[in-house]
Amino acid sequence: MSNLSPQYITDEKGKRISVILSVEEYERLLEELEDIRLYEEVKARKEEATPLTKYKSRKEQLKSLRGSVLRYDRPFDPVAIEDWEANK
């Protein structure tokens, strides 16, 4: 991620003690970290690899679901990805 424009808060000696990022940069950074975490999780399972283009396409499809849930009837019940109406 090379498009970060951090601003720093320093102490009285000039030592950097905090970083300020825009909300957009912060969210992109969190998304990147989540991608890395998921990659490491899948890698540890030693499963067959998914092509990057297929993964990115899938990720874009799932983004459309953000904010679409109005109510959780049974929030702890697992739902298989193939059961989601948005995938049909």
Foldseek 3Di string as FASTA:
>chain_A
DPPWDWDFDADPVRHGDDIDTDPVVVVVVVVVVVVVVVVVVVVVVVDDDDDPVVVVVVVVLCVVCPPVDDDDPPVPDDDDPVPDPSVD
